[in-house]
C-alpha atoms as a PDB file:
ATOM      1  CA  MET A   1       3.893   4.637 -12.183  1.00  0.00           C
ATOM      2  CA  ALA A   2       3.730   3.424  -8.566  1.00  0.00           C
ATOM      3  CA  SER A   3       7.249   1.838  -9.003  1.00  0.00           C
ATOM      4  CA  LYS A   4       8.537   5.104 -10.411  1.00  0.00           C
ATOM      5  CA  TYR A   5       7.159   7.190  -7.822  1.00  0.00           C
ATOM      6  CA  GLU A   6       8.560   4.990  -5.061  1.00  0.00           C
ATOM      7  CA  GLU A   7      11.988   4.829  -6.837  1.00  0.00           C
ATOM      8  CA  GLU A   8      12.040   8.786  -7.308  1.00  0.00           C
ATOM      9  CA  PHE A   9      10.486   9.912  -4.059  1.00  0.00           C
ATOM     10  CA  HIS A  10       9.886   7.109  -1.556  1.00  0.00           C
ATOM     11  CA  GLY A  11       6.900   6.563   0.404  1.00  0.00           C
ATOM     12  CA  CYS A  12       5.503   3.272  -0.364  1.00  0.00           C
ATOM     13  CA  SER A  13       1.879   3.998   0.526  1.00  0.00           C
ATOM     14  CA  GLN A  14       1.554   7.265  -1.279  1.00  0.00           C
ATOM     15  CA  ALA A  15       3.384   5.909  -4.332  1.00  0.00           C
ATOM     16  CA  VAL A  16       0.752   3.212  -4.682  1.00  0.00           C
ATOM     17  CA  LEU A  17      -2.223   5.457  -3.824  1.00  0.00           C
ATOM     18  CA  LEU A  18      -1.082   8.390  -5.976  1.00  0.00           C
ATOM     19  CA  ALA A  19      -0.552   6.055  -9.139  1.00  0.00           C
ATOM     20  CA  PHE A  20      -4.211   4.860  -8.689  1.00  0.00           C
ATOM     21  CA  GLN A  21      -5.541   8.189  -7.889  1.00  0.00           C
ATOM     22  CA  GLU A  22      -4.037   9.522 -11.149  1.00  0.00           C
ATOM     23  CA  ALA A  23      -5.031   6.337 -13.281  1.00  0.00           C
ATOM     24  CA  LEU A  24      -8.642   6.324 -11.915  1.00  0.00           C
ATOM     25  CA  GLY A  25      -9.022  10.201 -11.670  1.00  0.00           C
ATOM     26  CA  LEU A  26      -9.769  10.156  -8.149  1.00  0.00           C
ATOM     27  CA  LYS A  27      -7.207  12.828  -7.087  1.00  0.00           C
ATOM     28  CA  ASP A  28      -7.811  13.479  -3.333  1.00  0.00           C
ATOM     29  CA  ASP A  29      -5.005  15.608  -1.811  1.00  0.00           C
ATOM     30  CA  LEU A  30      -6.349  14.944   1.725  1.00  0.00           C
ATOM     31  CA  LEU A  31      -6.371  11.234   1.332  1.00  0.00           C
ATOM     32  CA  PHE A  32      -2.876  11.351  -0.283  1.00  0.00           C
ATOM     33  CA  ARG A  33      -1.607  13.434   2.609  1.00  0.00           C
ATOM     34  CA  ALA A  34      -3.250  11.105   5.381  1.00  0.00           C
ATOM     35  CA  SER A  35      -1.563   8.194   3.643  1.00  0.00           C
ATOM     36  CA  GLY A  36       1.955   9.364   4.261  1.00  0.00           C
ATOM     37  CA  SER A  37       1.384   8.191   7.893  1.00  0.00           C
ATOM     38  CA  LEU A  38       1.426   4.563   6.438  1.00  0.00           C
ATOM     39  CA  VAL A  39       4.968   4.846   5.098  1.00  0.00           C
ATOM     40  CA  GLY A  40       7.424   2.621   6.591  1.00  0.00           C
ATOM     41  CA  GLY A  41       4.921   0.503   8.122  1.00  0.00           C
ATOM     42  CA  MET A  42       3.130   3.312   9.812  1.00  0.00           C
ATOM     43  CA  TYR A  43       6.647   4.731  10.664  1.00  0.00           C
ATOM     44  CA  SER A  44       7.094   1.776  12.962  1.00  0.00           C
ATOM     45  CA  GLY A  45       7.742  -1.298  10.826  1.00  0.00           C
ATOM     46  CA  LEU A  46       4.234  -2.769  11.272  1.00  0.00           C
ATOM     47  CA  THR A  47       2.242  -3.517   7.998  1.00  0.00           C
ATOM     48  CA  CYS A  48       4.056  -2.680   4.634  1.00  0.00           C
ATOM     49  CA  GLY A  49       2.949   0.613   3.273  1.00  0.00           C
ATOM     50  CA  ALA A  50       2.764  -0.818  -0.273  1.00  0.00           C
ATOM     51  CA  LEU A  51      -0.028  -3.076   1.177  1.00  0.00           C
ATOM     52  CA  THR A  52      -1.839  -0.458   3.289  1.00  0.00           C
ATOM     53  CA  GLY A  53      -1.818   1.825   0.208  1.00  0.00           C
ATOM     54  CA  GLY A  54      -3.270  -0.952  -1.896  1.00  0.00           C
ATOM     55  CA  LEU A  55      -6.021  -1.456   0.544  1.00  0.00           C
ATOM     56  CA  LEU A  56      -6.724   2.221   0.603  1.00  0.00           C
ATOM     57  CA  VAL A  57      -7.071   2.010  -3.267  1.00  0.00           C
ATOM     58  CA  ILE A  58      -9.507  -1.054  -2.877  1.00  0.00           C
ATOM     59  CA  GLY A  59     -11.541   1.117  -0.438  1.00  0.00           C
ATOM     60  CA  THR A  60     -12.115   3.881  -2.804  1.00  0.00           C
ATOM     61  CA  ARG A  61     -13.726   1.261  -5.142  1.00  0.00           C
ATOM     62  CA  VAL A  62     -15.690  -0.757  -2.821  1.00  0.00           C
ATOM     63  CA  GLY A  63     -15.648   0.883   0.723  1.00  0.00           C
ATOM     64  CA  ARG A  64     -18.681   1.860   2.642  1.00  0.00           C
ATOM     65  CA  ARG A  65     -19.703   5.498   1.594  1.00  0.00           C
ATOM     66  CA  LYS A  66     -21.489   6.448   4.967  1.00  0.00           C
ATOM     67  CA  ILE A  67     -20.864   5.343   8.480  1.00  0.00           C
ATOM     68  CA  GLU A  68     -24.863   4.841   8.694  1.00  0.00           C
ATOM     69  CA  GLU A  69     -24.211   1.872   6.396  1.00  0.00           C
ATOM     70  CA  GLY A  70     -23.081  -0.112   9.492  1.00  0.00           C
ATOM     71  CA  LEU A  71     -21.593  -3.357   9.233  1.00  0.00           C
ATOM     72  CA  GLU A  72     -23.284  -4.269   5.980  1.00  0.00           C
ATOM     73  CA  GLY A  73     -21.751  -1.292   4.351  1.00  0.00           C
ATOM     74  CA  LEU A  74     -18.189  -3.015   5.090  1.00  0.00           C
ATOM     75  CA  LEU A  75     -18.932  -6.343   3.775  1.00  0.00           C
ATOM     76  CA  GLU A  76     -18.348  -5.671  -0.109  1.00  0.00           C
ATOM     77  CA  SER A  77     -14.743  -4.759   0.717  1.00  0.00           C
ATOM     78  CA  PHE A  78     -13.875  -7.883   2.887  1.00  0.00           C
ATOM     79  CA  ASP A  79     -13.256 -10.263   0.029  1.00  0.00           C
ATOM     80  CA  PRO A  80     -11.054  -8.007  -2.083  1.00  0.00           C
ATOM     81  CA  ALA A  81      -9.151  -6.734   0.820  1.00  0.00           C
ATOM     82  CA  GLN A  82      -8.421 -10.132   2.266  1.00  0.00           C
ATOM     83  CA  ARG A  83      -7.342 -11.263  -1.295  1.00  0.00           C
ATOM     84  CA  LEU A  84      -4.724  -8.748  -1.433  1.00  0.00           C
ATOM     85  CA  VAL A  85      -3.543  -9.580   2.069  1.00  0.00           C
ATOM     86  CA  LYS A  86      -3.348 -13.206   1.384  1.00  0.00           C
ATOM     87  CA  TRP A  87      -1.560 -12.740  -1.759  1.00  0.00           C
ATOM     88  CA  PHE A  88       1.039 -10.358  -0.292  1.00  0.00           C
ATOM     89  CA  GLU A  89       1.814 -12.792   2.410  1.00  0.00           C
ATOM     90  CA  ALA A  90       2.086 -15.581   0.308  1.00  0.00           C
ATOM     91  CA  GLU A  91       4.325 -13.539  -2.046  1.00  0.00           C
ATOM     92  CA  TYR A  92       6.617 -12.156   0.577  1.00  0.00           C
ATOM     93  CA  GLY A  93       6.253 -14.453   3.723  1.00  0.00           C
ATOM     94  CA  THR A  94       5.136 -11.572   5.817  1.00  0.00           C
ATOM     95  CA  THR A  95       3.120  -8.195   5.922  1.00  0.00           C
ATOM     96  CA  SER A  96       5.614  -6.710   8.272  1.00  0.00           C
ATOM     97  CA  CYS A  97       7.620  -3.924   6.882  1.00  0.00           C
ATOM     98  CA  LYS A  98      10.398  -4.559   9.579  1.00  0.00           C
ATOM     99  CA  GLU A  99      10.774  -8.138   8.478  1.00  0.00           C
ATOM    100  CA  LEU A 100      10.675  -7.154   4.771  1.00  0.00           C
ATOM    101  CA  THR A 101      13.319  -4.348   5.147  1.00  0.00           C
ATOM    102  CA  GLY A 102      15.422  -5.429   8.109  1.00  0.00           C
ATOM    103  CA  THR A 103      14.866  -2.208   9.612  1.00  0.00           C
ATOM    104  CA  ASP A 104      13.993  -1.155  12.942  1.00  0.00           C
ATOM    105  CA  TRP A 105      11.974   2.060  12.167  1.00  0.00           C
ATOM    106  CA  PHE A 106      12.451   3.292  15.859  1.00  0.00           C
ATOM    107  CA  ASP A 107      16.159   3.447  15.269  1.00  0.00           C
ATOM    108  CA  MET A 108      17.099   6.508  13.127  1.00  0.00           C
ATOM    109  CA  ASN A 109      20.534   5.073  12.577  1.00  0.00           C
ATOM    110  CA  GLN A 110      18.834   1.935  10.851  1.00  0.00           C
ATOM    111  CA  VAL A 111      16.501   3.987   9.094  1.00  0.00           C
ATOM    112  CA  MET A 112      19.267   6.164   7.621  1.00  0.00           C
ATOM    113  CA  LEU A 113      21.135   2.732   6.612  1.00  0.00           C
ATOM    114  CA  PHE A 114      18.062   1.527   4.929  1.00  0.00           C
ATOM    115  CA  LEU A 115      17.508   4.935   2.965  1.00  0.00           C
ATOM    116  CA  ARG A 116      21.345   4.776   1.809  1.00  0.00           C
ATOM    117  CA  SER A 117      21.138   0.915   0.739  1.00  0.00           C
ATOM    118  CA  PRO A 118      20.293   0.736  -3.023  1.00  0.00           C
ATOM    119  CA  ASP A 119      19.555  -2.753  -2.762  1.00  0.00           C
ATOM    120  CA  LYS A 120      16.932  -2.540  -0.026  1.00  0.00           C
ATOM    121  CA  LEU A 121      15.412   0.409  -1.797  1.00  0.00           C
ATOM    122  CA  LYS A 122      15.193  -1.520  -5.059  1.00  0.00           C
ATOM    123  CA  GLU A 123      13.362  -4.350  -3.174  1.00  0.00           C
ATOM    124  CA  CYS A 124      10.831  -1.889  -2.029  1.00  0.00           C
ATOM    125  CA  VAL A 125      10.383  -0.423  -5.613  1.00  0.00           C
ATOM    126  CA  GLU A 126       9.811  -3.817  -6.961  1.00  0.00           C
ATOM    127  CA  ARG A 127       7.397  -4.776  -3.941  1.00  0.00           C
ATOM    128  CA  VAL A 128       5.385  -1.449  -4.847  1.00  0.00           C
ATOM    129  CA  GLY A 129       5.255  -2.485  -8.482  1.00  0.00           C
ATOM    130  CA  LYS A 130       3.953  -6.152  -7.724  1.00  0.00           C
ATOM    131  CA  THR A 131       1.534  -4.962  -5.108  1.00  0.00           C
ATOM    132  CA  SER A 132       0.253  -2.309  -7.587  1.00  0.00           C
ATOM    133  CA  GLU A 133      -0.164  -4.960 -10.248  1.00  0.00           C
ATOM    134  CA  LYS A 134      -2.213  -7.327  -7.913  1.00  0.00           C
ATOM    135  CA  VAL A 135      -4.435  -4.348  -6.753  1.00  0.00           C
ATOM    136  CA  ALA A 136      -5.093  -3.470 -10.432  1.00  0.00           C
ATOM    137  CA  GLU A 137      -6.034  -7.136 -11.140  1.00  0.00           C
ATOM    138  CA  ILE A 138      -8.352  -7.083  -8.112  1.00  0.00           C
ATOM    139  CA  ILE A 139     -10.001  -3.865  -9.122  1.00  0.00           C
ATOM    140  CA  THR A 140     -10.504  -5.099 -12.710  1.00  0.00           C
ATOM    141  CA  GLU A 141     -12.291  -8.268 -11.427  1.00  0.00           C
ATOM    142  CA  ILE A 142     -14.518  -6.093  -9.061  1.00  0.00           C
ATOM    143  CA  GLU A 143     -15.534  -3.785 -11.622  1.00  0.00           C
ATOM    144  CA  GLY A 144     -15.886  -6.500 -14.154  1.00  0.00           C
ATOM    145  CA  ARG A 145     -18.876  -7.946 -12.023  1.00  0.00           C
END
């Protein structure tokens, strides 16, 4: 589903998040809207949106529920989040959207070239799909404990 959303509508972070929101019955329009700022490595080529979208999904399952839980409340999400990041980096050699896409997201000419490149877009679709599969695997393990 995430690959389909990425292919049809673009927006890696939102594609990953929406697929899981629908699959898990966690539809949240505000979170979906906010996750749009993570697209294209936060519109700046930093961390890949498929990865940050996946981290948001993991957070919906094991993230702390209240700020008052302090540092203790964050601990449950450390391992699954770090597992996803380590997997992503091993799989792709980087977490940088700029390195993965070869696009300077501050240069609108490069962004437009990227958006018109079927090969580069296909790579993102595949990355969104593989990342979503890994997120599903991690969530399944978390919820199986």
